[in-house]
C-alpha atoms as a PDB file:
ATOM      1  CA  MET A   1       0.000   0.000   0.000  1.00  0.00           C
ATOM      2  CA  LYS A   2       2.859   2.389   0.759  1.00  0.00           C
ATOM      3  CA  LEU A   3       4.613   1.656  -2.539  1.00  0.00           C
ATOM      4  CA  PRO A   4       1.869   3.095  -4.844  1.00  0.00           C
ATOM      5  CA  LEU A   5       1.683   6.243  -2.694  1.00  0.00           C
ATOM      6  CA  LEU A   6       5.443   6.574  -2.756  1.00  0.00           C
ATOM      7  CA  LEU A   7       5.502   6.074  -6.505  1.00  0.00           C
ATOM      8  CA  ALA A   8       2.767   8.672  -7.037  1.00  0.00           C
ATOM      9  CA  ALA A   9       4.587  11.160  -4.803  1.00  0.00           C
ATOM     10  CA  SER A  10       7.847  10.467  -6.611  1.00  0.00           C
ATOM     11  CA  LEU A  11       6.278  10.964 -10.052  1.00  0.00           C
ATOM     12  CA  THR A  12       4.622  14.184  -8.918  1.00  0.00           C
ATOM     13  CA  LEU A  13       7.893  15.531  -7.556  1.00  0.00           C
ATOM     14  CA  THR A  14       9.675  14.723 -10.814  1.00  0.00           C
ATOM     15  CA  GLY A  15       7.103  16.695 -12.780  1.00  0.00           C
ATOM     16  CA  ILE A  16       5.104  13.759 -14.123  1.00  0.00           C
ATOM     17  CA  ALA A  17       1.444  14.263 -13.320  1.00  0.00           C
ATOM     18  CA  VAL A  18      -0.560  11.333 -12.025  1.00  0.00           C
ATOM     19  CA  ALA A  19      -3.998  11.283 -13.613  1.00  0.00           C
ATOM     20  CA  ALA A  20      -6.898  11.288 -11.204  1.00  0.00           C
ATOM     21  CA  ALA A  21      -9.400   8.486 -11.498  1.00  0.00           C
ATOM     22  CA  PRO A  22     -12.663   9.518 -13.152  1.00  0.00           C
ATOM     23  CA  PRO A  23     -15.544  10.098 -10.733  1.00  0.00           C
ATOM     24  CA  ALA A  24     -18.305   7.573 -10.062  1.00  0.00           C
ATOM     25  CA  ILE A  25     -21.465   9.478 -11.046  1.00  0.00           C
ATOM     26  CA  TYR A  26     -23.876   6.658 -11.931  1.00  0.00           C
ATOM     27  CA  THR A  27     -24.842   3.217 -10.612  1.00  0.00           C
ATOM     28  CA  ALA A  28     -24.148  -0.203 -12.098  1.00  0.00           C
ATOM     29  CA  ALA A  29     -27.917  -0.807 -12.285  1.00  0.00           C
ATOM     30  CA  GLN A  30     -28.274   2.322 -14.418  1.00  0.00           C
ATOM     31  CA  ALA A  31     -25.553   1.198 -16.807  1.00  0.00           C
ATOM     32  CA  THR A  32     -27.267  -2.179 -17.153  1.00  0.00           C
ATOM     33  CA  ALA A  33     -30.632  -0.554 -17.857  1.00  0.00           C
ATOM     34  CA  GLY A  34     -28.931   1.911 -20.187  1.00  0.00           C
ATOM     35  CA  HIS A  35     -27.350  -0.950 -22.106  1.00  0.00           C
ATOM     36  CA  ALA A  36     -30.796  -2.391 -22.825  1.00  0.00           C
ATOM     37  CA  ASP A  37     -32.165   1.017 -23.877  1.00  0.00           C
ATOM     38  CA  PHE A  38     -29.076   1.664 -25.998  1.00  0.00           C
ATOM     39  CA  GLU A  39     -29.552  -1.667 -27.796  1.00  0.00           C
ATOM     40  CA  THR A  40     -33.179  -0.763 -28.559  1.00  0.00           C
ATOM     41  CA  HIS A  41     -32.863   2.907 -29.459  1.00  0.00           C
ATOM     42  CA  CYS A  42     -29.242   3.666 -30.373  1.00  0.00           C
ATOM     43  CA  SER A  43     -27.253   0.657 -31.571  1.00  0.00           C
ATOM     44  CA  MET A  44     -28.639   0.722 -35.120  1.00  0.00           C
ATOM     45  CA  CYS A  45     -26.729   3.986 -35.712  1.00  0.00           C
ATOM     46  CA  HIS A  46     -23.961   3.864 -33.109  1.00  0.00           C
ATOM     47  CA  GLY A  47     -23.248   0.115 -33.142  1.00  0.00           C
ATOM     48  CA  LYS A  48     -23.620  -2.481 -30.401  1.00  0.00           C
ATOM     49  CA  ASN A  49     -20.110  -1.673 -29.182  1.00  0.00           C
ATOM     50  CA  LEU A  50     -20.531   2.104 -29.576  1.00  0.00           C
ATOM     51  CA  GLN A  51     -18.101   1.928 -32.513  1.00  0.00           C
ATOM     52  CA  GLY A  52     -20.273   4.023 -34.823  1.00  0.00           C
ATOM     53  CA  ILE A  53     -22.125   3.013 -37.974  1.00  0.00           C
ATOM     54  CA  ALA A  54     -24.347   5.734 -39.453  1.00  0.00           C
ATOM     55  CA  GLY A  55     -23.820   7.774 -36.281  1.00  0.00           C
ATOM     56  CA  PRO A  56     -20.466   8.639 -34.717  1.00  0.00           C
ATOM     57  CA  THR A  57     -18.485   6.454 -32.357  1.00  0.00           C
ATOM     58  CA  LEU A  58     -19.337   6.943 -28.682  1.00  0.00           C
ATOM     59  CA  ILE A  59     -16.249   5.319 -27.216  1.00  0.00           C
ATOM     60  CA  GLY A  60     -12.534   5.995 -27.043  1.00  0.00           C
ATOM     61  CA  GLN A  61     -10.283   8.931 -27.751  1.00  0.00           C
ATOM     62  CA  SER A  62     -11.866   9.770 -31.105  1.00  0.00           C
ATOM     63  CA  PHE A  63     -15.093  10.388 -29.161  1.00  0.00           C
ATOM     64  CA  ALA A  64     -13.930  11.952 -25.907  1.00  0.00           C
ATOM     65  CA  SER A  65     -10.311  12.976 -25.783  1.00  0.00           C
ATOM     66  CA  LYS A  66      -8.945  15.564 -23.393  1.00  0.00           C
ATOM     67  CA  ALA A  67      -8.526  17.909 -26.377  1.00  0.00           C
ATOM     68  CA  ASN A  68     -12.266  17.780 -27.135  1.00  0.00           C
ATOM     69  CA  ASN A  69     -12.962  19.392 -23.740  1.00  0.00           C
ATOM     70  CA  TYR A  70     -16.392  17.744 -23.409  1.00  0.00           C
ATOM     71  CA  THR A  71     -18.387  17.687 -20.216  1.00  0.00           C
ATOM     72  CA  VAL A  72     -21.057  15.146 -19.320  1.00  0.00           C
ATOM     73  CA  ALA A  73     -23.639  17.951 -19.656  1.00  0.00           C
ATOM     74  CA  ALA A  74     -22.557  18.810 -23.213  1.00  0.00           C
ATOM     75  CA  ILE A  75     -22.859  15.220 -24.423  1.00  0.00           C
ATOM     76  CA  PHE A  76     -26.038  14.656 -22.418  1.00  0.00           C
ATOM     77  CA  ASP A  77     -27.612  17.770 -23.934  1.00  0.00           C
ATOM     78  CA  GLU A  78     -27.105  16.396 -27.428  1.00  0.00           C
ATOM     79  CA  LEU A  79     -28.228  12.912 -26.361  1.00  0.00           C
ATOM     80  CA  SER A  80     -31.417  14.033 -24.624  1.00  0.00           C
ATOM     81  CA  GLN A  81     -32.485  16.693 -27.128  1.00  0.00           C
ATOM     82  CA  GLN A  82     -31.444  15.238 -30.487  1.00  0.00           C
ATOM     83  CA  MET A  83     -31.604  11.459 -30.072  1.00  0.00           C
ATOM     84  CA  PRO A  84     -32.756   9.044 -31.194  1.00  0.00           C
ATOM     85  CA  ALA A  85     -32.510  10.182 -34.796  1.00  0.00           C
ATOM     86  CA  GLY A  86     -35.978  10.437 -36.273  1.00  0.00           C
ATOM     87  CA  ALA A  87     -37.613  10.761 -32.847  1.00  0.00           C
ATOM     88  CA  PRO A  88     -35.638  13.309 -30.813  1.00  0.00           C
ATOM     89  CA  ALA A  89     -36.493  13.761 -27.128  1.00  0.00           C
ATOM     90  CA  SER A  90     -38.880  10.794 -27.293  1.00  0.00           C
ATOM     91  CA  LEU A  91     -37.435   8.737 -24.434  1.00  0.00           C
ATOM     92  CA  THR A  92     -38.109   9.195 -20.739  1.00  0.00           C
ATOM     93  CA  ASN A  93     -35.773  11.199 -18.515  1.00  0.00           C
ATOM     94  CA  THR A  94     -34.789   7.943 -16.800  1.00  0.00           C
ATOM     95  CA  GLN A  95     -33.941   6.281 -20.120  1.00  0.00           C
ATOM     96  CA  TYR A  96     -31.709   9.190 -21.128  1.00  0.00           C
ATOM     97  CA  ALA A  97     -29.891   9.160 -17.779  1.00  0.00           C
ATOM     98  CA  ASP A  98     -29.454   5.383 -17.997  1.00  0.00           C
ATOM     99  CA  ILE A  99     -28.090   5.566 -21.561  1.00  0.00           C
ATOM    100  CA  MET A 100     -25.620   8.244 -20.423  1.00  0.00           C
ATOM    101  CA  ALA A 101     -24.582   5.909 -17.570  1.00  0.00           C
ATOM    102  CA  PHE A 102     -23.985   3.131 -20.111  1.00  0.00           C
ATOM    103  CA  ILE A 103     -21.865   5.436 -22.293  1.00  0.00           C
ATOM    104  CA  LEU A 104     -19.840   6.489 -19.241  1.00  0.00           C
ATOM    105  CA  SER A 105     -19.337   2.854 -18.235  1.00  0.00           C
ATOM    106  CA  LYS A 106     -18.056   1.896 -21.689  1.00  0.00           C
ATOM    107  CA  ASN A 107     -15.634   4.825 -21.564  1.00  0.00           C
ATOM    108  CA  GLY A 108     -14.059   3.626 -18.325  1.00  0.00           C
ATOM    109  CA  TYR A 109     -15.947   5.651 -15.730  1.00  0.00           C
ATOM    110  CA  PRO A 110     -16.601   3.587 -12.596  1.00  0.00           C
ATOM    111  CA  ALA A 111     -20.043   2.903 -11.152  1.00  0.00           C
ATOM    112  CA  GLY A 112     -20.809   4.311  -7.730  1.00  0.00           C
ATOM    113  CA  SER A 113     -23.650   4.325  -5.249  1.00  0.00           C
ATOM    114  CA  THR A 114     -25.407   7.529  -6.347  1.00  0.00           C
ATOM    115  CA  PRO A 115     -27.583   7.432  -9.468  1.00  0.00           C
ATOM    116  CA  LEU A 116     -27.132   9.915 -12.277  1.00  0.00           C
ATOM    117  CA  THR A 117     -30.341  11.912 -12.577  1.00  0.00           C
ATOM    118  CA  PHE A 118     -31.616  13.699 -15.660  1.00  0.00           C
ATOM    119  CA  GLU A 119     -31.135  17.059 -13.939  1.00  0.00           C
ATOM    120  CA  GLY A 120     -27.721  16.056 -12.635  1.00  0.00           C
ATOM    121  CA  ALA A 121     -26.569  15.047 -16.110  1.00  0.00           C
ATOM    122  CA  GLN A 122     -27.871  18.321 -17.568  1.00  0.00           C
ATOM    123  CA  SER A 123     -25.771  20.367 -15.161  1.00  0.00           C
ATOM    124  CA  SER A 124     -22.730  18.101 -14.760  1.00  0.00           C
ATOM    125  CA  THR A 125     -19.373  19.802 -15.136  1.00  0.00           C
ATOM    126  CA  VAL A 126     -17.539  16.464 -14.986  1.00  0.00           C
ATOM    127  CA  LYS A 127     -15.076  16.283 -17.874  1.00  0.00           C
ATOM    128  CA  LEU A 128     -15.838  13.432 -20.252  1.00  0.00           C
ATOM    129  CA  ILE A 129     -12.472  11.984 -21.199  1.00  0.00           C
ATOM    130  CA  SER A 130     -12.581   8.399 -22.350  1.00  0.00           C
ATOM    131  CA  GLN A 131     -10.324   6.071 -20.408  1.00  0.00           C
ATOM    132  CA  VAL A 132     -10.383   3.712 -23.405  1.00  0.00           C
ATOM    133  CA  LYS A 133      -7.321   4.143 -25.617  1.00  0.00           C
END
């Protein structure tokens, strides 16, 4: 336990920044529910693995790199107001929050004990930087 802390302190002192772990802003149950909703409403354009088909990829650095400077709110705004294509804003608030949780989970954000709410996602300033390389 002391070795990782020592290593982190050593890297910080030598000028190498240690990246902070992404925050846990959704629950595992939400990501599971979001997966089902994603399969039904999103996968035909974004692919079952979020790799993109007719719609853009929703995973990895080409989606959410540090340079893109996205926040959860920015992506959620587009998700909840413009998706699914052909029927924008047609899902429930819970479905949109769950789909966002699924997208976060696939991009390496950990699940926690507090659910992501529709309102919370709309106002989230959490940076969305995919942990998937």
